[in-house]
Amino acid sequence: MSVRVEVFSDYTCPWCYVGWARFEKALRQLPDGVVVDVHWRPFEIHPEVPMEGMPFEDLGYPADRWASMQEALRASAAAEGLIVENRPKVSNTHRALMAGAWAQDDLPDLFPAFHERIFVGYFDEGRDLGDVQVIDSLAASVGIEVNQMHAALDQGGWEAALHDTTVDARKMGITGTPTFVFNRSFAIYGAQPVDAFLRAFENAKEVQNDDSAQDREVHS
């Protein structure tokens, strides 16, 4: 069975961070014979954030609600072995998302480490993802040639990856992250438990079987 999963995600979305860890656990638990093609879609959830970033207070949450949200987030992250600590502000993720999209297509062997490094850099280390030098440093730390990345990104060619993701999301009614779309047939939302991801793969198998049965009837 082959399953394509498109993940609409942003690097400053905390539940994308937790969801990434849980999804990776689910992938490791899939039975033999399941081939998964994962495509991370760069979905900029706060395009209004300036390049220098903005305070969390500007997101508009009441202080008590924000505190309880962060407590729940830290507990969920800790359960997955993740740390959510030193975020000084909301970063602009435009370049980080372009860099991830480029690496996924051009350097697929290095992309998983880079993808993880960006998440950890922001949530654990408090790095500003809107800073070009930060993205350079994170890329170099996993073996990416920074000059190669600049040559790809600075011409603006990877802007289309963000634009196309936004258009696709709008067509599918996706407004939040993370969203996991299975074979363009159905989606699950949020940082679901591992069991929920495993059930989604089972559902994808059932949908494929139904489609195959219909094909046999049409062509018989």
N, C-alpha and C. Protein backbone atom coordinates (compact mmCIF):
# COMPACT_ATOMS: atom_id res chain seq x y z
N MET A 1 0.84 -1.20 0.00
CA MET A 1 0.00 0.00 0.00
C MET A 1 0.87 1.24 0.00
N SER A 2 0.53 2.19 -0.84
CA SER A 2 1.26 3.46 -0.90
C SER A 2 0.33 4.59 -0.47
N VAL A 3 0.82 5.43 0.43
CA VAL A 3 0.02 6.54 0.95
C VAL A 3 0.83 7.83 0.83
N ARG A 4 0.22 8.84 0.26
CA ARG A 4 0.84 10.15 0.22
C ARG A 4 0.19 11.01 1.30
N VAL A 5 1.02 11.60 2.14
CA VAL A 5 0.53 12.47 3.20
C VAL A 5 1.13 13.85 3.01
N GLU A 6 0.25 14.84 2.87
CA GLU A 6 0.68 16.23 2.79
C GLU A 6 0.41 16.87 4.15
N VAL A 7 1.45 17.47 4.72
CA VAL A 7 1.33 18.07 6.05
C VAL A 7 1.45 19.58 5.92
N PHE A 8 0.37 20.28 6.18
CA PHE A 8 0.37 21.74 6.16
C PHE A 8 0.87 22.21 7.52
N SER A 9 2.02 22.88 7.53
CA SER A 9 2.73 23.11 8.80
C SER A 9 3.52 24.40 8.75
N ASP A 10 3.71 25.00 9.94
CA ASP A 10 4.54 26.19 10.08
C ASP A 10 5.50 25.97 11.24
N TYR A 11 6.68 26.56 11.14
CA TYR A 11 7.72 26.29 12.13
C TYR A 11 7.53 26.99 13.47
N THR A 12 6.66 27.98 13.56
CA THR A 12 6.38 28.57 14.87
C THR A 12 5.07 28.07 15.46
N CYS A 13 4.44 27.12 14.80
CA CYS A 13 3.21 26.51 15.31
C CYS A 13 3.60 25.42 16.31
N PRO A 14 3.30 25.60 17.59
CA PRO A 14 3.75 24.62 18.59
C PRO A 14 3.15 23.24 18.39
N TRP A 15 1.90 23.18 17.92
CA TRP A 15 1.28 21.87 17.75
C TRP A 15 1.80 21.20 16.48
N CYS A 16 2.39 21.96 15.57
CA CYS A 16 3.11 21.34 14.45
C CYS A 16 4.34 20.61 14.97
N TYR A 17 5.00 21.21 15.94
CA TYR A 17 6.19 20.62 16.55
C TYR A 17 5.82 19.31 17.24
N VAL A 18 4.79 19.34 18.08
CA VAL A 18 4.33 18.14 18.77
C VAL A 18 3.77 17.13 17.77
N GLY A 19 3.00 17.62 16.80
CA GLY A 19 2.42 16.73 15.80
C GLY A 19 3.47 16.05 14.96
N TRP A 20 4.54 16.78 14.64
CA TRP A 20 5.66 16.18 13.90
C TRP A 20 6.22 14.98 14.66
N ALA A 21 6.46 15.13 15.97
CA ALA A 21 7.02 14.04 16.77
C ALA A 21 6.08 12.85 16.82
N ARG A 22 4.79 13.09 17.00
CA ARG A 22 3.84 11.98 17.08
C ARG A 22 3.68 11.29 15.73
N PHE A 23 3.67 12.07 14.66
CA PHE A 23 3.56 11.50 13.32
C PHE A 23 4.77 10.62 13.02
N GLU A 24 5.96 11.07 13.40
CA GLU A 24 7.16 10.27 13.18
C GLU A 24 7.08 8.95 13.95
N LYS A 25 6.54 8.98 15.17
CA LYS A 25 6.35 7.75 15.93
C LYS A 25 5.40 6.81 15.22
N ALA A 26 4.33 7.37 14.66
CA ALA A 26 3.35 6.54 13.93
C ALA A 26 4.00 5.89 12.71
N LEU A 27 4.83 6.64 12.00
CA LEU A 27 5.49 6.08 10.82
C LEU A 27 6.35 4.88 11.19
N ARG A 28 7.00 4.96 12.35
CA ARG A 28 7.86 3.85 12.77
C ARG A 28 7.07 2.62 13.19
N GLN A 29 5.78 2.79 13.44
CA GLN A 29 4.95 1.66 13.88
C GLN A 29 4.13 1.05 12.76
N LEU A 30 4.22 1.58 11.56
CA LEU A 30 3.45 1.04 10.45
C LEU A 30 3.96 -0.35 10.08
N PRO A 31 3.07 -1.21 9.66
CA PRO A 31 3.50 -2.57 9.28
C PRO A 31 4.30 -2.55 7.98
N ASP A 32 5.03 -3.62 7.77
CA ASP A 32 5.77 -3.76 6.52
C ASP A 32 4.80 -3.73 5.34
N GLY A 33 5.26 -3.17 4.26
CA GLY A 33 4.43 -3.11 3.06
C GLY A 33 3.71 -1.80 2.88
N VAL A 34 3.74 -0.93 3.88
CA VAL A 34 3.13 0.39 3.77
C VAL A 34 4.22 1.38 3.37
N VAL A 35 4.07 1.94 2.19
CA VAL A 35 5.03 2.92 1.68
C VAL A 35 4.40 4.30 1.81
N VAL A 36 5.08 5.18 2.53
CA VAL A 36 4.52 6.50 2.80
C VAL A 36 5.38 7.58 2.13
N ASP A 37 4.73 8.41 1.36
CA ASP A 37 5.37 9.57 0.74
C ASP A 37 4.88 10.81 1.49
N VAL A 38 5.75 11.36 2.33
CA VAL A 38 5.38 12.51 3.16
C VAL A 38 5.87 13.79 2.49
N HIS A 39 4.98 14.73 2.32
CA HIS A 39 5.35 16.02 1.72
C HIS A 39 4.91 17.12 2.67
N TRP A 40 5.89 17.79 3.29
CA TRP A 40 5.59 18.89 4.21
C TRP A 40 5.30 20.14 3.40
N ARG A 41 4.12 20.72 3.61
CA ARG A 41 3.69 21.89 2.86
C ARG A 41 3.92 23.15 3.70
N PRO A 42 4.67 24.13 3.19
CA PRO A 42 5.01 25.33 3.97
C PRO A 42 3.84 26.30 4.05
N PHE A 43 3.12 26.26 5.17
CA PHE A 43 1.91 27.06 5.34
C PHE A 43 2.18 28.16 6.36
N GLU A 44 2.28 29.37 5.89
CA GLU A 44 2.61 30.53 6.73
C GLU A 44 1.36 30.99 7.48
N ILE A 45 1.27 30.65 8.76
CA ILE A 45 0.03 30.93 9.49
C ILE A 45 -0.05 32.38 9.97
N HIS A 46 1.09 33.04 10.10
CA HIS A 46 1.09 34.44 10.52
C HIS A 46 1.93 35.28 9.55
N PRO A 47 1.46 35.42 8.31
CA PRO A 47 2.24 36.19 7.33
C PRO A 47 2.35 37.67 7.70
N GLU A 48 1.51 38.10 8.64
CA GLU A 48 1.53 39.51 9.05
C GLU A 48 2.70 39.84 9.98
N VAL A 49 3.38 38.82 10.48
CA VAL A 49 4.49 39.07 11.40
C VAL A 49 5.63 39.75 10.66
N PRO A 50 6.12 40.89 11.15
CA PRO A 50 7.23 41.58 10.47
C PRO A 50 8.51 40.77 10.55
N MET A 51 9.48 41.12 9.71
CA MET A 51 10.72 40.36 9.67
C MET A 51 11.42 40.34 11.02
N GLU A 52 11.26 41.40 11.81
CA GLU A 52 11.91 41.44 13.12
C GLU A 52 11.13 40.68 14.18
N GLY A 53 9.98 40.12 13.82
CA GLY A 53 9.15 39.39 14.76
C GLY A 53 8.21 40.31 15.53
N MET A 54 7.43 39.71 16.43
CA MET A 54 6.52 40.51 17.24
C MET A 54 6.29 39.82 18.58
N PRO A 55 5.89 40.60 19.61
CA PRO A 55 5.64 40.00 20.93
C PRO A 55 4.45 39.05 20.90
N PHE A 56 4.50 38.02 21.74
CA PHE A 56 3.38 37.10 21.82
C PHE A 56 2.09 37.80 22.23
N GLU A 57 2.22 38.88 23.00
CA GLU A 57 1.03 39.62 23.44
C GLU A 57 0.22 40.13 22.27
N ASP A 58 0.90 40.36 21.14
CA ASP A 58 0.20 40.90 19.98
C ASP A 58 -0.68 39.87 19.28
N LEU A 59 -0.59 38.60 19.70
CA LEU A 59 -1.47 37.58 19.14
C LEU A 59 -2.91 37.74 19.66
N GLY A 60 -3.07 38.48 20.75
CA GLY A 60 -4.41 38.82 21.21
C GLY A 60 -5.03 37.89 22.22
N TYR A 61 -4.26 36.95 22.78
CA TYR A 61 -4.82 36.05 23.79
C TYR A 61 -4.81 36.72 25.16
N PRO A 62 -5.88 36.56 25.96
CA PRO A 62 -5.83 37.02 27.34
C PRO A 62 -4.70 36.34 28.09
N ALA A 63 -4.10 37.04 29.04
CA ALA A 63 -2.91 36.53 29.72
C ALA A 63 -3.15 35.19 30.41
N ASP A 64 -4.31 35.03 31.06
CA ASP A 64 -4.56 33.77 31.77
C ASP A 64 -4.74 32.61 30.80
N ARG A 65 -5.41 32.89 29.68
CA ARG A 65 -5.59 31.83 28.68
C ARG A 65 -4.25 31.44 28.06
N TRP A 66 -3.43 32.45 27.77
CA TRP A 66 -2.12 32.18 27.19
C TRP A 66 -1.28 31.31 28.14
N ALA A 67 -1.32 31.62 29.43
CA ALA A 67 -0.54 30.86 30.41
C ALA A 67 -1.00 29.41 30.46
N SER A 68 -2.32 29.18 30.44
CA SER A 68 -2.82 27.80 30.49
C SER A 68 -2.50 27.06 29.20
N MET A 69 -2.56 27.76 28.07
CA MET A 69 -2.19 27.14 26.80
C MET A 69 -0.73 26.70 26.81
N GLN A 70 0.14 27.55 27.35
CA GLN A 70 1.57 27.20 27.38
C GLN A 70 1.85 26.05 28.33
N GLU A 71 1.12 26.00 29.42
CA GLU A 71 1.29 24.89 30.36
C GLU A 71 0.90 23.57 29.70
N ALA A 72 -0.24 23.57 28.99
CA ALA A 72 -0.68 22.37 28.29
C ALA A 72 0.30 21.98 27.19
N LEU A 73 0.82 22.98 26.50
CA LEU A 73 1.79 22.72 25.44
C LEU A 73 3.06 22.09 25.99
N ARG A 74 3.60 22.66 27.05
CA ARG A 74 4.84 22.12 27.62
C ARG A 74 4.65 20.68 28.09
N ALA A 75 3.48 20.39 28.67
CA ALA A 75 3.22 19.02 29.12
C ALA A 75 3.14 18.06 27.94
N SER A 76 2.43 18.46 26.89
CA SER A 76 2.31 17.60 25.71
C SER A 76 3.66 17.41 25.03
N ALA A 77 4.44 18.47 24.96
CA ALA A 77 5.76 18.38 24.34
C ALA A 77 6.67 17.46 25.15
N ALA A 78 6.65 17.62 26.48
CA ALA A 78 7.51 16.80 27.34
C ALA A 78 7.19 15.32 27.19
N ALA A 79 5.91 15.00 26.99
CA ALA A 79 5.52 13.61 26.82
C ALA A 79 6.13 12.99 25.56
N GLU A 80 6.50 13.85 24.61
CA GLU A 80 7.13 13.39 23.37
C GLU A 80 8.64 13.58 23.40
N GLY A 81 9.18 13.95 24.55
CA GLY A 81 10.61 14.16 24.67
C GLY A 81 11.07 15.48 24.07
N LEU A 82 10.16 16.44 23.95
CA LEU A 82 10.47 17.74 23.37
C LEU A 82 10.51 18.81 24.45
N ILE A 83 11.24 19.86 24.17
CA ILE A 83 11.34 21.00 25.09
C ILE A 83 10.75 22.23 24.43
N VAL A 84 9.88 22.91 25.15
CA VAL A 84 9.34 24.19 24.69
C VAL A 84 9.68 25.20 25.77
N GLU A 85 10.65 26.06 25.48
CA GLU A 85 11.12 26.96 26.50
C GLU A 85 11.28 28.40 26.02
N ASN A 86 12.41 28.66 25.41
CA ASN A 86 12.93 30.03 25.31
C ASN A 86 12.48 30.80 24.07
N ARG A 87 11.19 30.86 23.83
CA ARG A 87 10.74 31.63 22.67
C ARG A 87 10.56 33.09 23.07
N PRO A 88 11.44 33.97 22.63
CA PRO A 88 11.33 35.36 23.06
C PRO A 88 10.24 36.14 22.32
N LYS A 89 9.81 35.62 21.17
CA LYS A 89 8.82 36.35 20.36
C LYS A 89 8.29 35.43 19.28
N VAL A 90 7.29 35.91 18.55
CA VAL A 90 6.81 35.21 17.36
C VAL A 90 7.72 35.59 16.20
N SER A 91 8.34 34.60 15.60
CA SER A 91 9.24 34.87 14.48
C SER A 91 8.49 34.88 13.16
N ASN A 92 8.99 35.66 12.22
CA ASN A 92 8.55 35.56 10.84
C ASN A 92 9.17 34.29 10.25
N THR A 93 8.36 33.43 9.66
CA THR A 93 8.88 32.13 9.19
C THR A 93 9.00 32.04 7.67
N HIS A 94 8.89 33.16 6.99
CA HIS A 94 8.86 33.13 5.53
C HIS A 94 10.11 32.43 4.96
N ARG A 95 11.29 32.89 5.37
CA ARG A 95 12.50 32.30 4.82
C ARG A 95 12.72 30.86 5.32
N ALA A 96 12.39 30.61 6.58
CA ALA A 96 12.54 29.26 7.11
C ALA A 96 11.69 28.27 6.32
N LEU A 97 10.47 28.66 5.99
CA LEU A 97 9.59 27.78 5.23
C LEU A 97 10.11 27.58 3.81
N MET A 98 10.60 28.63 3.19
CA MET A 98 11.18 28.47 1.86
C MET A 98 12.40 27.56 1.91
N ALA A 99 13.24 27.73 2.94
CA ALA A 99 14.43 26.90 3.06
C ALA A 99 14.05 25.44 3.25
N GLY A 100 13.04 25.19 4.06
CA GLY A 100 12.59 23.81 4.25
C GLY A 100 12.04 23.21 2.97
N ALA A 101 11.24 24.00 2.24
CA ALA A 101 10.67 23.51 0.99
C ALA A 101 11.76 23.18 -0.03
N TRP A 102 12.75 24.06 -0.12
CA TRP A 102 13.87 23.83 -1.03
C TRP A 102 14.63 22.56 -0.64
N ALA A 103 14.97 22.42 0.64
CA ALA A 103 15.73 21.25 1.09
C ALA A 103 14.95 19.96 0.85
N GLN A 104 13.65 20.01 1.07
CA GLN A 104 12.83 18.82 0.87
C GLN A 104 12.91 18.34 -0.58
N ASP A 105 12.90 19.27 -1.53
CA ASP A 105 12.94 18.91 -2.94
C ASP A 105 14.35 18.63 -3.44
N ASP A 106 15.31 19.45 -3.04
CA ASP A 106 16.66 19.36 -3.62
C ASP A 106 17.63 18.53 -2.79
N LEU A 107 17.40 18.45 -1.49
CA LEU A 107 18.30 17.71 -0.59
C LEU A 107 17.49 16.80 0.31
N PRO A 108 16.76 15.85 -0.25
CA PRO A 108 15.85 15.03 0.56
C PRO A 108 16.54 14.24 1.66
N ASP A 109 17.81 13.90 1.48
CA ASP A 109 18.52 13.15 2.53
C ASP A 109 18.82 14.02 3.74
N LEU A 110 18.98 15.33 3.51
CA LEU A 110 19.30 16.24 4.61
C LEU A 110 18.05 16.92 5.18
N PHE A 111 16.96 16.87 4.45
CA PHE A 111 15.76 17.59 4.88
C PHE A 111 15.26 17.17 6.26
N PRO A 112 15.12 15.86 6.57
CA PRO A 112 14.58 15.50 7.89
C PRO A 112 15.35 16.13 9.05
N ALA A 113 16.68 16.12 8.95
CA ALA A 113 17.49 16.71 10.03
C ALA A 113 17.32 18.22 10.08
N PHE A 114 17.23 18.85 8.92
CA PHE A 114 17.05 20.30 8.85
C PHE A 114 15.68 20.69 9.41
N HIS A 115 14.67 19.95 9.02
CA HIS A 115 13.30 20.16 9.48
C HIS A 115 13.25 20.13 11.01
N GLU A 116 13.83 19.09 11.57
CA GLU A 116 13.88 18.97 13.03
C GLU A 116 14.69 20.10 13.65
N ARG A 117 15.80 20.44 13.02
CA ARG A 117 16.69 21.47 13.56
C ARG A 117 16.00 22.83 13.63
N ILE A 118 15.18 23.14 12.66
CA ILE A 118 14.45 24.42 12.68
C ILE A 118 13.46 24.44 13.84
N PHE A 119 12.70 23.36 13.99
CA PHE A 119 11.77 23.27 15.11
C PHE A 119 12.50 23.44 16.45
N VAL A 120 13.55 22.66 16.65
CA VAL A 120 14.29 22.70 17.92
C VAL A 120 14.94 24.06 18.12
N GLY A 121 15.47 24.62 17.04
CA GLY A 121 16.09 25.93 17.14
C GLY A 121 15.14 26.98 17.69
N TYR A 122 13.90 26.91 17.26
CA TYR A 122 12.92 27.90 17.72
C TYR A 122 12.37 27.57 19.10
N PHE A 123 11.85 26.36 19.27
CA PHE A 123 11.12 26.05 20.50
C PHE A 123 12.02 25.75 21.69
N ASP A 124 13.17 25.15 21.46
CA ASP A 124 14.06 24.79 22.56
C ASP A 124 15.11 25.87 22.80
N GLU A 125 15.70 26.39 21.72
CA GLU A 125 16.82 27.31 21.84
C GLU A 125 16.44 28.78 21.71
N GLY A 126 15.21 29.06 21.31
CA GLY A 126 14.77 30.44 21.21
C GLY A 126 15.42 31.21 20.07
N ARG A 127 15.81 30.52 18.99
CA ARG A 127 16.42 31.19 17.86
C ARG A 127 15.37 31.93 17.06
N ASP A 128 15.73 33.08 16.49
CA ASP A 128 14.80 33.90 15.71
C ASP A 128 14.81 33.43 14.26
N LEU A 129 13.73 32.78 13.84
CA LEU A 129 13.68 32.22 12.49
C LEU A 129 13.54 33.29 11.42
N GLY A 130 13.31 34.52 11.81
CA GLY A 130 13.27 35.61 10.84
C GLY A 130 14.65 36.15 10.50
N ASP A 131 15.66 35.68 11.19
CA ASP A 131 17.03 36.14 10.99
C ASP A 131 17.72 35.23 9.98
N VAL A 132 18.16 35.80 8.87
CA VAL A 132 18.81 35.02 7.81
C VAL A 132 19.99 34.24 8.36
N GLN A 133 20.78 34.87 9.23
CA GLN A 133 21.96 34.19 9.77
C GLN A 133 21.59 32.98 10.63
N VAL A 134 20.45 33.04 11.29
CA VAL A 134 19.99 31.90 12.07
C VAL A 134 19.67 30.73 11.15
N ILE A 135 18.95 30.99 10.07
CA ILE A 135 18.62 29.92 9.12
C ILE A 135 19.90 29.35 8.53
N ASP A 136 20.86 30.22 8.21
CA ASP A 136 22.15 29.75 7.70
C ASP A 136 22.82 28.81 8.69
N SER A 137 22.83 29.21 9.96
CA SER A 137 23.47 28.42 10.99
C SER A 137 22.80 27.06 11.17
N LEU A 138 21.47 27.06 11.18
CA LEU A 138 20.74 25.81 11.33
C LEU A 138 20.99 24.88 10.14
N ALA A 139 21.05 25.47 8.95
CA ALA A 139 21.32 24.68 7.75
C ALA A 139 22.72 24.08 7.80
N ALA A 140 23.69 24.91 8.13
CA ALA A 140 25.08 24.44 8.17
C ALA A 140 25.26 23.33 9.21
N SER A 141 24.49 23.39 10.29
CA SER A 141 24.65 22.41 11.36
C SER A 141 24.26 21.00 10.94
N VAL A 142 23.49 20.87 9.84
CA VAL A 142 23.10 19.54 9.35
C VAL A 142 23.80 19.20 8.04
N GLY A 143 24.77 20.01 7.65
CA GLY A 143 25.57 19.69 6.47
C GLY A 143 25.12 20.34 5.18
N ILE A 144 24.22 21.30 5.25
CA ILE A 144 23.78 22.00 4.04
C ILE A 144 24.77 23.10 3.71
N GLU A 145 25.13 23.20 2.43
CA GLU A 145 26.00 24.27 1.97
C GLU A 145 25.21 25.57 1.92
N VAL A 146 25.59 26.52 2.76
CA VAL A 146 24.83 27.77 2.87
C VAL A 146 24.81 28.53 1.56
N ASN A 147 25.92 28.56 0.84
CA ASN A 147 25.95 29.26 -0.45
C ASN A 147 24.98 28.64 -1.44
N GLN A 148 24.87 27.33 -1.40
CA GLN A 148 23.92 26.64 -2.27
C GLN A 148 22.48 27.04 -1.92
N MET A 149 22.20 27.12 -0.63
CA MET A 149 20.87 27.52 -0.20
C MET A 149 20.57 28.96 -0.61
N HIS A 150 21.53 29.84 -0.43
CA HIS A 150 21.32 31.23 -0.83
C HIS A 150 21.05 31.35 -2.32
N ALA A 151 21.79 30.61 -3.11
CA ALA A 151 21.59 30.66 -4.56
C ALA A 151 20.18 30.25 -4.94
N ALA A 152 19.62 29.30 -4.20
CA ALA A 152 18.26 28.85 -4.48
C ALA A 152 17.20 29.83 -3.99
N LEU A 153 17.41 30.39 -2.78
CA LEU A 153 16.36 31.19 -2.15
C LEU A 153 16.38 32.65 -2.57
N ASP A 154 17.56 33.21 -2.78
CA ASP A 154 17.65 34.65 -2.97
C ASP A 154 17.13 35.13 -4.32
N GLN A 155 16.90 34.20 -5.24
CA GLN A 155 16.32 34.57 -6.52
C GLN A 155 14.79 34.62 -6.47
N GLY A 156 14.22 34.19 -5.33
CA GLY A 156 12.76 34.27 -5.18
C GLY A 156 12.00 33.10 -5.76
N GLY A 157 12.72 32.11 -6.27
CA GLY A 157 12.03 31.00 -6.92
C GLY A 157 11.18 30.15 -5.99
N TRP A 158 11.53 30.13 -4.71
CA TRP A 158 10.80 29.29 -3.77
C TRP A 158 9.64 30.00 -3.10
N GLU A 159 9.40 31.25 -3.50
CA GLU A 159 8.18 31.94 -3.05
C GLU A 159 6.95 31.17 -3.51
N ALA A 160 7.06 30.55 -4.68
CA ALA A 160 5.91 29.83 -5.25
C ALA A 160 5.46 28.69 -4.36
N ALA A 161 6.39 28.08 -3.62
CA ALA A 161 6.01 26.97 -2.74
C ALA A 161 5.04 27.44 -1.67
N LEU A 162 5.28 28.64 -1.12
CA LEU A 162 4.38 29.18 -0.11
C LEU A 162 3.05 29.60 -0.73
N HIS A 163 3.14 30.22 -1.89
CA HIS A 163 1.92 30.67 -2.56
C HIS A 163 1.04 29.48 -2.94
N ASP A 164 1.65 28.46 -3.54
CA ASP A 164 0.88 27.29 -3.97
C ASP A 164 0.24 26.58 -2.79
N THR A 165 0.95 26.54 -1.66
CA THR A 165 0.40 25.90 -0.47
C THR A 165 -0.81 26.67 0.04
N THR A 166 -0.73 27.99 0.03
CA THR A 166 -1.86 28.81 0.47
C THR A 166 -3.06 28.59 -0.43
N VAL A 167 -2.83 28.53 -1.74
CA VAL A 167 -3.92 28.30 -2.70
C VAL A 167 -4.54 26.93 -2.47
N ASP A 168 -3.70 25.90 -2.32
CA ASP A 168 -4.20 24.55 -2.07
C ASP A 168 -5.00 24.48 -0.78
N ALA A 169 -4.48 25.11 0.26
CA ALA A 169 -5.18 25.11 1.54
C ALA A 169 -6.56 25.74 1.41
N ARG A 170 -6.61 26.85 0.70
CA ARG A 170 -7.90 27.53 0.52
C ARG A 170 -8.89 26.64 -0.22
N LYS A 171 -8.42 25.94 -1.25
CA LYS A 171 -9.30 25.06 -2.02
C LYS A 171 -9.85 23.92 -1.17
N MET A 172 -9.02 23.44 -0.23
CA MET A 172 -9.43 22.31 0.60
C MET A 172 -10.07 22.73 1.91
N GLY A 173 -10.20 24.03 2.13
CA GLY A 173 -10.83 24.52 3.35
C GLY A 173 -9.94 24.42 4.57
N ILE A 174 -8.63 24.36 4.37
CA ILE A 174 -7.69 24.27 5.47
C ILE A 174 -7.35 25.67 5.97
N THR A 175 -7.53 25.89 7.24
CA THR A 175 -7.26 27.22 7.81
C THR A 175 -6.25 27.17 8.95
N GLY A 176 -5.90 25.98 9.43
CA GLY A 176 -5.00 25.89 10.57
C GLY A 176 -3.94 24.83 10.38
N THR A 177 -2.99 24.84 11.29
CA THR A 177 -1.90 23.88 11.26
C THR A 177 -1.78 23.19 12.61
N PRO A 178 -1.28 21.95 12.64
CA PRO A 178 -0.97 21.13 11.46
C PRO A 178 -2.22 20.46 10.91
N THR A 179 -2.23 20.27 9.61
CA THR A 179 -3.28 19.50 8.94
C THR A 179 -2.61 18.42 8.11
N PHE A 180 -3.04 17.19 8.29
CA PHE A 180 -2.46 16.03 7.61
C PHE A 180 -3.48 15.51 6.59
N VAL A 181 -3.16 15.60 5.32
CA VAL A 181 -4.07 15.20 4.25
C VAL A 181 -3.58 13.88 3.66
N PHE A 182 -4.45 12.88 3.68
CA PHE A 182 -4.10 11.54 3.23
C PHE A 182 -4.65 11.28 1.84
N ASN A 183 -3.74 11.11 0.88
CA ASN A 183 -4.12 10.79 -0.50
C ASN A 183 -5.17 11.74 -1.08
N ARG A 184 -5.17 12.96 -0.62
CA ARG A 184 -6.16 13.94 -1.07
C ARG A 184 -7.59 13.47 -0.88
N SER A 185 -7.77 12.51 0.04
CA SER A 185 -9.10 11.93 0.28
C SER A 185 -9.73 12.44 1.56
N PHE A 186 -8.92 12.57 2.61
CA PHE A 186 -9.44 13.05 3.90
C PHE A 186 -8.29 13.65 4.68
N ALA A 187 -8.64 14.37 5.73
CA ALA A 187 -7.62 15.05 6.54
C ALA A 187 -7.90 14.83 8.02
N ILE A 188 -6.82 14.89 8.81
CA ILE A 188 -6.97 14.97 10.25
C ILE A 188 -6.21 16.21 10.70
N TYR A 189 -6.68 16.80 11.79
CA TYR A 189 -6.22 18.11 12.20
C TYR A 189 -5.59 18.07 13.58
N GLY A 190 -4.54 18.85 13.75
CA GLY A 190 -3.94 19.00 15.05
C GLY A 190 -2.91 17.93 15.37
N ALA A 191 -2.32 18.05 16.55
CA ALA A 191 -1.30 17.10 17.02
C ALA A 191 -1.99 15.88 17.60
N GLN A 192 -2.50 15.04 16.73
CA GLN A 192 -3.26 13.87 17.15
C GLN A 192 -2.37 12.84 17.84
N PRO A 193 -2.95 11.99 18.68
CA PRO A 193 -2.17 10.89 19.27
C PRO A 193 -1.69 9.93 18.19
N VAL A 194 -0.68 9.15 18.52
CA VAL A 194 -0.13 8.19 17.56
C VAL A 194 -1.21 7.25 17.04
N ASP A 195 -2.09 6.78 17.91
CA ASP A 195 -3.14 5.85 17.50
C ASP A 195 -4.05 6.47 16.44
N ALA A 196 -4.29 7.77 16.53
CA ALA A 196 -5.13 8.43 15.55
C ALA A 196 -4.46 8.44 14.17
N PHE A 197 -3.16 8.65 14.16
CA PHE A 197 -2.45 8.59 12.89
C PHE A 197 -2.49 7.18 12.31
N LEU A 198 -2.32 6.18 13.15
CA LEU A 198 -2.35 4.80 12.67
C LEU A 198 -3.73 4.46 12.10
N ARG A 199 -4.78 4.95 12.75
CA ARG A 199 -6.14 4.72 12.23
C ARG A 199 -6.32 5.43 10.89
N ALA A 200 -5.70 6.60 10.75
CA ALA A 200 -5.81 7.33 9.49
C ALA A 200 -5.17 6.54 8.35
N PHE A 201 -4.04 5.89 8.63
CA PHE A 201 -3.42 5.05 7.60
C PHE A 201 -4.32 3.87 7.24
N GLU A 202 -5.00 3.31 8.23
CA GLU A 202 -5.94 2.24 7.95
C GLU A 202 -7.09 2.74 7.09
N ASN A 203 -7.58 3.94 7.40
CA ASN A 203 -8.65 4.53 6.60
C ASN A 203 -8.20 4.76 5.16
N ALA A 204 -6.94 5.19 5.01
CA ALA A 204 -6.41 5.41 3.66
C ALA A 204 -6.39 4.10 2.88
N LYS A 205 -6.06 3.00 3.57
CA LYS A 205 -6.06 1.68 2.92
C LYS A 205 -7.46 1.31 2.48
N GLU A 206 -8.46 1.56 3.33
CA GLU A 206 -9.84 1.23 2.99
C GLU A 206 -10.32 2.06 1.81
N VAL A 207 -9.94 3.34 1.78
CA VAL A 207 -10.33 4.20 0.66
C VAL A 207 -9.71 3.69 -0.63
N GLN A 208 -8.43 3.28 -0.58
CA GLN A 208 -7.77 2.74 -1.76
C GLN A 208 -8.46 1.48 -2.25
N ASN A 209 -8.84 0.61 -1.31
CA ASN A 209 -9.52 -0.62 -1.69
C ASN A 209 -10.85 -0.33 -2.36
N ASP A 210 -11.58 0.65 -1.83
CA ASP A 210 -12.86 1.02 -2.43
C ASP A 210 -12.65 1.56 -3.84
N ASP A 211 -11.62 2.40 -4.00
CA ASP A 211 -11.34 2.97 -5.32
C ASP A 211 -10.96 1.87 -6.31
N SER A 212 -10.19 0.88 -5.86
CA SER A 212 -9.78 -0.22 -6.73
C SER A 212 -10.98 -1.05 -7.16
N ALA A 213 -11.90 -1.27 -6.23
CA ALA A 213 -13.11 -2.02 -6.56
C ALA A 213 -13.93 -1.29 -7.60
N GLN A 214 -14.04 0.01 -7.45
CA GLN A 214 -14.79 0.79 -8.43
C GLN A 214 -14.11 0.75 -9.80
N ASP A 215 -12.79 0.80 -9.80
CA ASP A 215 -12.06 0.73 -11.06
C ASP A 215 -12.30 -0.59 -11.76
N ARG A 216 -12.33 -1.69 -10.97
CA ARG A 216 -12.55 -3.00 -11.58
C ARG A 216 -13.93 -3.08 -12.18
N GLU A 217 -14.91 -2.48 -11.54
CA GLU A 217 -16.27 -2.50 -12.07
C GLU A 217 -16.36 -1.69 -13.37
N VAL A 218 -15.67 -0.56 -13.40
CA VAL A 218 -15.74 0.31 -14.58
C VAL A 218 -15.08 -0.35 -15.77
N HIS A 219 -13.95 -1.06 -15.53
CA HIS A 219 -13.18 -1.61 -16.63
C HIS A 219 -13.47 -3.06 -16.92
N SER A 220 -14.41 -3.66 -16.20
CA SER A 220 -14.68 -5.08 -16.42
C SER A 220 -15.53 -5.29 -17.67
